[in-house]
Amino acid sequence: MWPEDEGERLLYSDKEVAFFARIIGLNTIDVLIDLRDYTCKLTKRSISPLIKSLLCRLSVIPISPAACERGFSAVNAQQSPTRNR
């Protein structure tokens, strides 16, 4: 839900972005500053290398263990005794 308080709206999602930046090993403050700069620029929409790095690294984190398990199942299906005949 969108926060009612204007102060809370200004910091909306900062905690989540900071959490992921810490997990990935990027400088949290720099990521937040670049993200704010990106969202505040209305004329020039270029993504900074730091934000590109954050998005690239986040794209390889599985959303749930089910995605990883499907990958293992696909590998196991290829290495079955029936398939090897």
Protein backbone atom coordinates (compact mmCIF):
# COMPACT_ATOMS: atom_id res chain seq x y z
CA MET A 1 0.00 0.00 0.00
CA TRP A 2 1.17 3.50 -0.82
CA PRO A 3 2.12 5.39 2.38
CA GLU A 4 -0.16 8.24 3.45
CA ASP A 5 2.59 10.35 5.02
CA GLU A 6 4.65 12.43 2.57
CA GLY A 7 7.86 11.74 4.50
CA GLU A 8 7.28 8.01 4.22
CA ARG A 9 6.56 8.33 0.50
CA LEU A 10 9.95 9.99 -0.02
CA LEU A 11 11.71 6.99 1.52
CA TYR A 12 9.40 4.40 -0.03
CA SER A 13 11.37 1.30 -1.11
CA ASP A 14 14.71 2.69 0.13
CA LYS A 15 14.92 -0.11 2.70
CA GLU A 16 14.42 -2.78 0.04
CA VAL A 17 16.95 -1.26 -2.36
CA ALA A 18 19.47 -0.86 0.48
CA PHE A 19 18.89 -4.48 1.54
CA PHE A 20 19.58 -5.83 -1.96
CA ALA A 21 22.58 -3.55 -2.43
CA ARG A 22 24.07 -4.89 0.81
CA ILE A 23 23.45 -8.50 -0.22
CA ILE A 24 25.10 -7.96 -3.59
CA GLY A 25 28.04 -6.06 -2.12
CA LEU A 26 27.44 -2.62 -3.60
CA ASN A 27 27.78 0.65 -1.72
CA THR A 28 24.27 1.26 -0.36
CA ILE A 29 24.49 5.04 -0.22
CA ASP A 30 25.82 5.34 -3.77
CA VAL A 31 23.08 3.07 -5.09
CA LEU A 32 20.35 5.08 -3.36
CA ILE A 33 21.79 8.38 -4.61
CA ASP A 34 22.02 7.09 -8.19
CA LEU A 35 18.51 5.68 -8.01
CA ARG A 36 17.11 9.01 -6.79
CA ASP A 37 19.00 10.86 -9.49
CA TYR A 38 17.59 8.50 -12.09
CA THR A 39 14.01 8.85 -10.88
CA CYS A 40 14.24 12.64 -10.54
CA LYS A 41 15.59 13.35 -14.04
CA LEU A 42 12.68 13.90 -16.38
CA THR A 43 14.59 14.88 -19.52
CA LYS A 44 17.57 12.54 -19.61
CA ARG A 45 16.83 8.93 -18.69
CA SER A 46 20.28 7.36 -18.70
CA ILE A 47 20.93 4.61 -16.19
CA SER A 48 24.18 4.88 -14.27
CA PRO A 49 26.64 1.97 -14.34
CA LEU A 50 25.96 1.34 -10.65
CA ILE A 51 22.23 0.89 -11.22
CA LYS A 52 22.94 -1.30 -14.27
CA SER A 53 25.18 -3.45 -12.09
CA LEU A 54 22.49 -3.70 -9.40
CA LEU A 55 19.84 -4.73 -11.93
CA CYS A 56 22.15 -7.21 -13.64
CA ARG A 57 23.09 -8.88 -10.37
CA LEU A 58 19.49 -8.96 -9.15
CA SER A 59 18.35 -10.62 -12.36
CA VAL A 60 20.28 -13.81 -11.52
CA ILE A 61 18.82 -14.26 -8.03
CA PRO A 62 16.03 -16.85 -8.19
CA ILE A 63 12.68 -15.57 -6.98
CA SER A 64 11.85 -18.86 -5.33
CA PRO A 65 13.51 -22.24 -4.89
CA ALA A 66 11.05 -23.65 -7.44
CA ALA A 67 13.01 -22.09 -10.32
CA CYS A 68 16.19 -23.74 -9.10
CA GLU A 69 14.42 -27.08 -8.60
CA ARG A 70 13.05 -26.98 -12.16
CA GLY A 71 16.60 -26.57 -13.41
CA PHE A 72 17.77 -29.57 -11.42
CA SER A 73 14.82 -31.62 -12.70
CA ALA A 74 15.71 -30.75 -16.29
CA VAL A 75 19.31 -31.87 -15.74
CA ASN A 76 18.17 -35.06 -14.01
CA ALA A 77 15.83 -35.85 -16.91
CA GLN A 78 18.75 -35.66 -19.33
CA GLN A 79 20.91 -37.98 -17.22
CA SER A 80 18.34 -40.71 -16.65
CA PRO A 81 19.07 -44.42 -17.39
CA THR A 82 16.20 -44.47 -19.90
CA ARG A 83 17.62 -41.59 -21.85
CA ASN A 84 21.14 -43.03 -21.84
CA ARG A 85 19.98 -46.20 -23.66
